């Protein structure tokens, strides 16, 4: 199964080290292949270096795309993490 959603980063500091590590930790809890897409850049959501390489800042839109049996759950969990500003 494939699933994707678009999310806007509300966090003032964007996906710096700490929030990026939270994204990687959350993504790692799922079996699906999960990609983060910002414009023409794409990164493995389970790779800290990959997530940080997107240099995603406040107001940037990310497409979260997953492929696998738990794709929907994975994307929704990552969207909730990012949208609710649980990333500090």
PDB file of N, CA and C in Angstrom:
ATOM      1  N   UNK A   1       0.839  -1.183   0.000  1.00  0.00           N
ATOM      2  CA  UNK A   1       0.000   0.000   0.000  1.00  0.00           C
ATOM      3  C   UNK A   1       0.885   1.247   0.000  1.00  0.00           C
ATOM      4  N   UNK A   2       0.471   2.239  -0.749  1.00  0.00           N
ATOM      5  CA  UNK A   2       1.158   3.535  -0.784  1.00  0.00           C
ATOM      6  C   UNK A   2       0.249   4.598  -0.181  1.00  0.00           C
ATOM      7  N   UNK A   3       0.842   5.539   0.521  1.00  0.00           N
ATOM      8  CA  UNK A   3       0.065   6.625   1.121  1.00  0.00           C
ATOM      9  C   UNK A   3       0.974   7.837   1.264  1.00  0.00           C
ATOM     10  N   UNK A   4       0.405   9.028   1.059  1.00  0.00           N
ATOM     11  CA  UNK A   4       1.182  10.251   1.265  1.00  0.00           C
ATOM     12  C   UNK A   4       0.288  11.387   1.715  1.00  0.00           C
ATOM     13  N   UNK A   5       0.890  12.312   2.433  1.00  0.00           N
ATOM     14  CA  UNK A   5       0.226  13.545   2.868  1.00  0.00           C
ATOM     15  C   UNK A   5       1.253  14.668   2.814  1.00  0.00           C
ATOM     16  N   UNK A   6       0.738  15.888   2.725  1.00  0.00           N
ATOM     17  CA  UNK A   6       1.599  17.068   2.756  1.00  0.00           C
ATOM     18  C   UNK A   6       1.413  17.761   4.094  1.00  0.00           C
ATOM     19  N   UNK A   7       2.506  18.198   4.677  1.00  0.00           N
ATOM     20  CA  UNK A   7       2.474  18.865   5.975  1.00  0.00           C
ATOM     21  C   UNK A   7       3.349  20.118   5.895  1.00  0.00           C
ATOM     22  N   UNK A   8       2.934  21.164   6.621  1.00  0.00           N
ATOM     23  CA  UNK A   8       3.721  22.398   6.704  1.00  0.00           C
ATOM     24  C   UNK A   8       4.405  22.437   8.061  1.00  0.00           C
ATOM     25  N   UNK A   9       5.672  22.761   8.069  1.00  0.00           N
ATOM     26  CA  UNK A   9       6.446  22.780   9.310  1.00  0.00           C
ATOM     27  C   UNK A   9       6.136  24.055  10.095  1.00  0.00           C
ATOM     28  N   UNK A  10       5.532  23.916  11.301  1.00  0.00           N
ATOM     29  CA  UNK A  10       5.209  25.092  12.109  1.00  0.00           C
ATOM     30  C   UNK A  10       6.334  25.481  13.073  1.00  0.00           C
ATOM     31  N   UNK A  11       7.239  24.554  13.344  1.00  0.00           N
ATOM     32  CA  UNK A  11       8.308  24.758  14.316  1.00  0.00           C
ATOM     33  C   UNK A  11       9.213  25.911  13.881  1.00  0.00           C
ATOM     34  N   UNK A  12       9.434  26.869  14.754  1.00  0.00           N
ATOM     35  CA  UNK A  12      10.245  28.055  14.434  1.00  0.00           C
ATOM     36  C   UNK A  12      11.626  27.717  13.907  1.00  0.00           C
ATOM     37  N   UNK A  13      12.215  26.678  14.440  1.00  0.00           N
ATOM     38  CA  UNK A  13      13.583  26.334  14.055  1.00  0.00           C
ATOM     39  C   UNK A  13      13.656  25.255  12.981  1.00  0.00           C
ATOM     40  N   UNK A  14      12.516  24.809  12.480  1.00  0.00           N
ATOM     41  CA  UNK A  14      12.516  23.807  11.421  1.00  0.00           C
ATOM     42  C   UNK A  14      12.990  22.450  11.903  1.00  0.00           C
ATOM     43  N   UNK A  15      13.476  21.652  10.963  1.00  0.00           N
ATOM     44  CA  UNK A  15      13.928  20.303  11.297  1.00  0.00           C
ATOM     45  C   UNK A  15      15.425  20.297  11.610  1.00  0.00           C
ATOM     46  N   UNK A  16      15.797  20.952  12.695  1.00  0.00           N
ATOM     47  CA  UNK A  16      17.188  20.902  13.143  1.00  0.00           C
ATOM     48  C   UNK A  16      17.420  19.556  13.834  1.00  0.00           C
ATOM     49  N   UNK A  17      18.544  19.374  14.472  1.00  0.00           N
ATOM     50  CA  UNK A  17      18.952  18.060  14.984  1.00  0.00           C
ATOM     51  C   UNK A  17      17.921  17.359  15.872  1.00  0.00           C
ATOM     52  N   UNK A  18      17.393  18.040  16.874  1.00  0.00           N
ATOM     53  CA  UNK A  18      16.479  17.367  17.800  1.00  0.00           C
ATOM     54  C   UNK A  18      15.171  16.949  17.125  1.00  0.00           C
ATOM     55  N   UNK A  19      14.463  17.856  16.425  1.00  0.00           N
ATOM     56  CA  UNK A  19      13.240  17.404  15.768  1.00  0.00           C
ATOM     57  C   UNK A  19      13.503  16.379  14.668  1.00  0.00           C
ATOM     58  N   UNK A  20      14.623  16.510  13.985  1.00  0.00           N
ATOM     59  CA  UNK A  20      14.955  15.528  12.946  1.00  0.00           C
ATOM     60  C   UNK A  20      15.130  14.150  13.573  1.00  0.00           C
ATOM     61  N   UNK A  21      15.744  14.097  14.749  1.00  0.00           N
ATOM     62  CA  UNK A  21      15.928  12.804  15.416  1.00  0.00           C
ATOM     63  C   UNK A  21      14.594  12.224  15.865  1.00  0.00           C
ATOM     64  N   UNK A  22      13.635  13.081  16.232  1.00  0.00           N
ATOM     65  CA  UNK A  22      12.304  12.602  16.592  1.00  0.00           C
ATOM     66  C   UNK A  22      11.590  12.026  15.368  1.00  0.00           C
ATOM     67  N   UNK A  23      11.767  12.665  14.221  1.00  0.00           N
ATOM     68  CA  UNK A  23      11.180  12.157  12.979  1.00  0.00           C
ATOM     69  C   UNK A  23      11.767  10.784  12.667  1.00  0.00           C
ATOM     70  N   UNK A  24      13.085  10.663  12.757  1.00  0.00           N
ATOM     71  CA  UNK A  24      13.764   9.394  12.463  1.00  0.00           C
ATOM     72  C   UNK A  24      13.307   8.304  13.433  1.00  0.00           C
ATOM     73  N   UNK A  25      13.200   8.639  14.706  1.00  0.00           N
ATOM     74  CA  UNK A  25      12.758   7.665  15.712  1.00  0.00           C
ATOM     75  C   UNK A  25      11.337   7.190  15.421  1.00  0.00           C
ATOM     76  N   UNK A  26      10.448   8.124  15.110  1.00  0.00           N
ATOM     77  CA  UNK A  26       9.062   7.766  14.800  1.00  0.00           C
ATOM     78  C   UNK A  26       9.001   6.919  13.537  1.00  0.00           C
ATOM     79  N   UNK A  27       9.712   7.331  12.499  1.00  0.00           N
ATOM     80  CA  UNK A  27       9.719   6.584  11.236  1.00  0.00           C
ATOM     81  C   UNK A  27      10.264   5.173  11.442  1.00  0.00           C
ATOM     82  N   UNK A  28      11.257   5.041  12.308  1.00  0.00           N
ATOM     83  CA  UNK A  28      11.870   3.745  12.564  1.00  0.00           C
ATOM     84  C   UNK A  28      10.956   2.739  13.228  1.00  0.00           C
ATOM     85  N   UNK A  29       9.854   3.205  13.777  1.00  0.00           N
ATOM     86  CA  UNK A  29       8.897   2.312  14.424  1.00  0.00           C
ATOM     87  C   UNK A  29       7.999   1.597  13.414  1.00  0.00           C
ATOM     88  N   UNK A  30       8.127   1.941  12.146  1.00  0.00           N
ATOM     89  CA  UNK A  30       7.274   1.366  11.098  1.00  0.00           C
ATOM     90  C   UNK A  30       8.106   0.574  10.099  1.00  0.00           C
ATOM     91  N   UNK A  31       7.482  -0.450   9.527  1.00  0.00           N
ATOM     92  CA  UNK A  31       8.146  -1.305   8.541  1.00  0.00           C
ATOM     93  C   UNK A  31       8.209  -0.661   7.163  1.00  0.00           C
ATOM     94  N   UNK A  32       7.280   0.231   6.877  1.00  0.00           N
ATOM     95  CA  UNK A  32       7.186   0.843   5.553  1.00  0.00           C
ATOM     96  C   UNK A  32       8.436   1.630   5.186  1.00  0.00           C
ATOM     97  N   UNK A  33       8.670   1.737   3.888  1.00  0.00           N
ATOM     98  CA  UNK A  33       9.704   2.631   3.362  1.00  0.00           C
ATOM     99  C   UNK A  33       9.089   4.026   3.389  1.00  0.00           C
ATOM    100  N   UNK A  34       9.729   4.970   4.066  1.00  0.00           N
ATOM    101  CA  UNK A  34       9.165   6.311   4.243  1.00  0.00           C
ATOM    102  C   UNK A  34      10.137   7.341   3.682  1.00  0.00           C
ATOM    103  N   UNK A  35       9.616   8.212   2.830  1.00  0.00           N
ATOM    104  CA  UNK A  35      10.417   9.265   2.205  1.00  0.00           C
ATOM    105  C   UNK A  35       9.838  10.624   2.576  1.00  0.00           C
ATOM    106  N   UNK A  36      10.707  11.596   2.777  1.00  0.00           N
ATOM    107  CA  UNK A  36      10.312  12.991   2.961  1.00  0.00           C
ATOM    108  C   UNK A  36      10.735  13.730   1.703  1.00  0.00           C
ATOM    109  N   UNK A  37       9.836  14.529   1.162  1.00  0.00           N
ATOM    110  CA  UNK A  37      10.118  15.243  -0.077  1.00  0.00           C
ATOM    111  C   UNK A  37       9.884  16.731   0.140  1.00  0.00           C
ATOM    112  N   UNK A  38      10.906  17.523  -0.185  1.00  0.00           N
ATOM    113  CA  UNK A  38      10.819  18.985  -0.115  1.00  0.00           C
ATOM    114  C   UNK A  38      11.289  19.509  -1.464  1.00  0.00           C
ATOM    115  N   UNK A  39      10.344  19.971  -2.257  1.00  0.00           N
ATOM    116  CA  UNK A  39      10.689  20.435  -3.597  1.00  0.00           C
ATOM    117  C   UNK A  39      11.276  19.299  -4.409  1.00  0.00           C
ATOM    118  N   UNK A  40      12.484  19.489  -4.905  1.00  0.00           N
ATOM    119  CA  UNK A  40      13.135  18.455  -5.712  1.00  0.00           C
ATOM    120  C   UNK A  40      14.031  17.542  -4.871  1.00  0.00           C
ATOM    121  N   UNK A  41      14.093  17.795  -3.568  1.00  0.00           N
ATOM    122  CA  UNK A  41      14.924  16.986  -2.674  1.00  0.00           C
ATOM    123  C   UNK A  41      14.093  15.877  -2.045  1.00  0.00           C
ATOM    124  N   UNK A  42      14.710  14.724  -1.869  1.00  0.00           N
ATOM    125  CA  UNK A  42      14.033  13.585  -1.265  1.00  0.00           C
ATOM    126  C   UNK A  42      14.990  12.907  -0.300  1.00  0.00           C
ATOM    127  N   UNK A  43      14.459  12.455   0.849  1.00  0.00           N
ATOM    128  CA  UNK A  43      15.309  11.822   1.854  1.00  0.00           C
ATOM    129  C   UNK A  43      14.584  10.657   2.512  1.00  0.00           C
ATOM    130  N   UNK A  44      15.366   9.696   2.959  1.00  0.00           N
ATOM    131  CA  UNK A  44      14.864   8.569   3.734  1.00  0.00           C
ATOM    132  C   UNK A  44      14.520   9.092   5.131  1.00  0.00           C
ATOM    133  N   UNK A  45      13.272   8.921   5.546  1.00  0.00           N
ATOM    134  CA  UNK A  45      12.834   9.433   6.849  1.00  0.00           C
ATOM    135  C   UNK A  45      13.470   8.683   8.012  1.00  0.00           C
ATOM    136  N   UNK A  46      14.131   7.569   7.740  1.00  0.00           N
ATOM    137  CA  UNK A  46      14.777   6.795   8.794  1.00  0.00           C
ATOM    138  C   UNK A  46      16.266   7.123   8.917  1.00  0.00           C
ATOM    139  N   UNK A  47      16.712   8.111   8.155  1.00  0.00           N
ATOM    140  CA  UNK A  47      18.117   8.525   8.163  1.00  0.00           C
ATOM    141  C   UNK A  47      18.240   9.947   8.705  1.00  0.00           C
ATOM    142  N   UNK A  48      18.922  10.104   9.830  1.00  0.00           N
ATOM    143  CA  UNK A  48      19.085  11.430  10.426  1.00  0.00           C
ATOM    144  C   UNK A  48      19.789  12.377   9.461  1.00  0.00           C
ATOM    145  N   UNK A  49      20.850  11.916   8.852  1.00  0.00           N
ATOM    146  CA  UNK A  49      21.576  12.756   7.902  1.00  0.00           C
ATOM    147  C   UNK A  49      20.685  13.138   6.720  1.00  0.00           C
ATOM    148  N   UNK A  50      19.888  12.179   6.255  1.00  0.00           N
ATOM    149  CA  UNK A  50      18.981  12.450   5.142  1.00  0.00           C
ATOM    150  C   UNK A  50      17.942  13.505   5.493  1.00  0.00           C
ATOM    151  N   UNK A  51      17.319  13.359   6.661  1.00  0.00           N
ATOM    152  CA  UNK A  51      16.291  14.315   7.093  1.00  0.00           C
ATOM    153  C   UNK A  51      16.904  15.705   7.260  1.00  0.00           C
ATOM    154  N   UNK A  52      18.057  15.779   7.884  1.00  0.00           N
ATOM    155  CA  UNK A  52      18.696  17.077   8.101  1.00  0.00           C
ATOM    156  C   UNK A  52      19.163  17.706   6.788  1.00  0.00           C
ATOM    157  N   UNK A  53      19.494  16.882   5.807  1.00  0.00           N
ATOM    158  CA  UNK A  53      19.971  17.409   4.522  1.00  0.00           C
ATOM    159  C   UNK A  53      18.885  18.162   3.761  1.00  0.00           C
ATOM    160  N   UNK A  54      17.625  17.959   4.146  1.00  0.00           N
ATOM    161  CA  UNK A  54      16.534  18.696   3.500  1.00  0.00           C
ATOM    162  C   UNK A  54      16.543  20.172   3.890  1.00  0.00           C
ATOM    163  N   UNK A  55      17.177  20.496   5.004  1.00  0.00           N
ATOM    164  CA  UNK A  55      17.211  21.880   5.510  1.00  0.00           C
ATOM    165  C   UNK A  55      15.813  22.488   5.539  1.00  0.00           C
ATOM    166  N   UNK A  56      14.856  21.715   6.035  1.00  0.00           N
ATOM    167  CA  UNK A  56      13.467  22.159   6.076  1.00  0.00           C
ATOM    168  C   UNK A  56      13.274  23.164   7.206  1.00  0.00           C
ATOM    169  N   UNK A  57      12.732  24.316   6.866  1.00  0.00           N
ATOM    170  CA  UNK A  57      12.514  25.373   7.839  1.00  0.00           C
ATOM    171  C   UNK A  57      11.041  25.659   8.046  1.00  0.00           C
ATOM    172  N   UNK A  58      10.779  26.566   8.967  1.00  0.00           N
ATOM    173  CA  UNK A  58       9.405  26.945   9.272  1.00  0.00           C
ATOM    174  C   UNK A  58       8.692  27.407   8.004  1.00  0.00           C
ATOM    175  N   UNK A  59       7.478  26.886   7.804  1.00  0.00           N
ATOM    176  CA  UNK A  59       6.672  27.254   6.648  1.00  0.00           C
ATOM    177  C   UNK A  59       6.914  26.393   5.424  1.00  0.00           C
ATOM    178  N   UNK A  60       7.969  25.585   5.445  1.00  0.00           N
ATOM    179  CA  UNK A  60       8.228  24.692   4.310  1.00  0.00           C
ATOM    180  C   UNK A  60       7.202  23.565   4.289  1.00  0.00           C
ATOM    181  N   UNK A  61       6.839  23.158   3.088  1.00  0.00           N
ATOM    182  CA  UNK A  61       5.936  22.021   2.931  1.00  0.00           C
ATOM    183  C   UNK A  61       6.749  20.770   2.648  1.00  0.00           C
ATOM    184  N   UNK A  62       6.377  19.701   3.337  1.00  0.00           N
ATOM    185  CA  UNK A  62       6.998  18.400   3.117  1.00  0.00           C
ATOM    186  C   UNK A  62       5.927  17.421   2.679  1.00  0.00           C
ATOM    187  N   UNK A  63       6.251  16.620   1.704  1.00  0.00           N
ATOM    188  CA  UNK A  63       5.398  15.487   1.363  1.00  0.00           C
ATOM    189  C   UNK A  63       5.982  14.300   2.111  1.00  0.00           C
ATOM    190  N   UNK A  64       5.136  13.619   2.852  1.00  0.00           N
ATOM    191  CA  UNK A  64       5.552  12.404   3.543  1.00  0.00           C
ATOM    192  C   UNK A  64       4.915  11.252   2.783  1.00  0.00           C
ATOM    193  N   UNK A  65       5.754  10.402   2.207  1.00  0.00           N
ATOM    194  CA  UNK A  65       5.280   9.311   1.352  1.00  0.00           C
ATOM    195  C   UNK A  65       5.788   7.990   1.913  1.00  0.00           C
ATOM    196  N   UNK A  66       4.877   7.037   2.051  1.00  0.00           N
ATOM    197  CA  UNK A  66       5.266   5.727   2.575  1.00  0.00           C
ATOM    198  C   UNK A  66       4.734   4.618   1.680  1.00  0.00           C
ATOM    199  N   UNK A  67       5.479   3.530   1.669  1.00  0.00           N
ATOM    200  CA  UNK A  67       5.113   2.355   0.893  1.00  0.00           C
ATOM    201  C   UNK A  67       5.303   1.128   1.775  1.00  0.00           C
ATOM    202  N   UNK A  68       4.210   0.408   2.012  1.00  0.00           N
ATOM    203  CA  UNK A  68       4.281  -0.788   2.846  1.00  0.00           C
ATOM    204  C   UNK A  68       2.961  -1.043   3.543  1.00  0.00           C
ATOM    205  N   UNK A  69       2.928  -2.116   4.324  1.00  0.00           N
ATOM    206  CA  UNK A  69       1.691  -2.525   4.988  1.00  0.00           C
ATOM    207  C   UNK A  69       1.182  -1.513   6.006  1.00  0.00           C
ATOM    208  N   UNK A  70       2.077  -0.783   6.647  1.00  0.00           N
ATOM    209  CA  UNK A  70       1.664   0.196   7.662  1.00  0.00           C
ATOM    210  C   UNK A  70       1.883   1.637   7.185  1.00  0.00           C
ATOM    211  N   UNK A  71       1.808   1.842   5.876  1.00  0.00           N
ATOM    212  CA  UNK A  71       2.086   3.157   5.278  1.00  0.00           C
ATOM    213  C   UNK A  71       1.175   4.250   5.821  1.00  0.00           C
ATOM    214  N   UNK A  72      -0.115   3.985   5.877  1.00  0.00           N
ATOM    215  CA  UNK A  72      -1.065   5.001   6.342  1.00  0.00           C
ATOM    216  C   UNK A  72      -0.758   5.414   7.776  1.00  0.00           C
ATOM    217  N   UNK A  73      -0.549   4.434   8.636  1.00  0.00           N
ATOM    218  CA  UNK A  73      -0.265   4.725  10.041  1.00  0.00           C
ATOM    219  C   UNK A  73       1.036   5.505  10.185  1.00  0.00           C
ATOM    220  N   UNK A  74       2.040   5.137   9.412  1.00  0.00           N
ATOM    221  CA  UNK A  74       3.338   5.809   9.485  1.00  0.00           C
ATOM    222  C   UNK A  74       3.226   7.275   9.090  1.00  0.00           C
ATOM    223  N   UNK A  75       2.563   7.535   7.975  1.00  0.00           N
ATOM    224  CA  UNK A  75       2.422   8.916   7.497  1.00  0.00           C
ATOM    225  C   UNK A  75       1.618   9.742   8.488  1.00  0.00           C
ATOM    226  N   UNK A  76       0.534   9.188   8.984  1.00  0.00           N
ATOM    227  CA  UNK A  76      -0.298   9.931   9.934  1.00  0.00           C
ATOM    228  C   UNK A  76       0.470  10.241  11.224  1.00  0.00           C
ATOM    229  N   UNK A  77       1.267   9.307  11.699  1.00  0.00           N
ATOM    230  CA  UNK A  77       2.054   9.539  12.917  1.00  0.00           C
ATOM    231  C   UNK A  77       3.078  10.650  12.701  1.00  0.00           C
ATOM    232  N   UNK A  78       3.735  10.653  11.558  1.00  0.00           N
ATOM    233  CA  UNK A  78       4.721  11.700  11.274  1.00  0.00           C
ATOM    234  C   UNK A  78       4.055  13.057  11.084  1.00  0.00           C
ATOM    235  N   UNK A  79       2.914  13.075  10.418  1.00  0.00           N
ATOM    236  CA  UNK A  79       2.180  14.341  10.252  1.00  0.00           C
ATOM    237  C   UNK A  79       1.775  14.899  11.607  1.00  0.00           C
ATOM    238  N   UNK A  80       1.264  14.038  12.477  1.00  0.00           N
ATOM    239  CA  UNK A  80       0.849  14.494  13.805  1.00  0.00           C
ATOM    240  C   UNK A  80       2.050  15.032  14.580  1.00  0.00           C
ATOM    241  N   UNK A  81       3.163  14.339  14.521  1.00  0.00           N
ATOM    242  CA  UNK A  81       4.374  14.788  15.209  1.00  0.00           C
ATOM    243  C   UNK A  81       4.771  16.187  14.752  1.00  0.00           C
ATOM    244  N   UNK A  82       4.775  16.396  13.459  1.00  0.00           N
ATOM    245  CA  UNK A  82       5.205  17.685  12.902  1.00  0.00           C
ATOM    246  C   UNK A  82       4.162  18.775  13.134  1.00  0.00           C
ATOM    247  N   UNK A  83       2.894  18.478  12.871  1.00  0.00           N
ATOM    248  CA  UNK A  83       1.838  19.500  12.953  1.00  0.00           C
ATOM    249  C   UNK A  83       1.543  19.961  14.368  1.00  0.00           C
ATOM    250  N   UNK A  84       1.691  19.088  15.341  1.00  0.00           N
ATOM    251  CA  UNK A  84       1.340  19.463  16.714  1.00  0.00           C
ATOM    252  C   UNK A  84       2.496  20.121  17.446  1.00  0.00           C
ATOM    253  N   UNK A  85       3.566  20.378  16.707  1.00  0.00           N
ATOM    254  CA  UNK A  85       4.734  21.052  17.276  1.00  0.00           C
ATOM    255  C   UNK A  85       5.271  20.323  18.495  1.00  0.00           C
ATOM    256  N   UNK A  86       5.133  18.997  18.502  1.00  0.00           N
ATOM    257  CA  UNK A  86       5.702  18.214  19.598  1.00  0.00           C
ATOM    258  C   UNK A  86       7.217  18.222  19.511  1.00  0.00           C
ATOM    259  N   UNK A  87       7.725  18.703  18.395  1.00  0.00           N
ATOM    260  CA  UNK A  87       9.171  18.746  18.195  1.00  0.00           C
ATOM    261  C   UNK A  87       9.734  19.996  18.860  1.00  0.00           C
ATOM    262  N   UNK A  88      10.573  19.818  19.820  1.00  0.00           N
ATOM    263  CA  UNK A  88      11.180  20.960  20.529  1.00  0.00           C
ATOM    264  C   UNK A  88      12.682  20.834  20.463  1.00  0.00           C
TER     265      UNK A  88
END
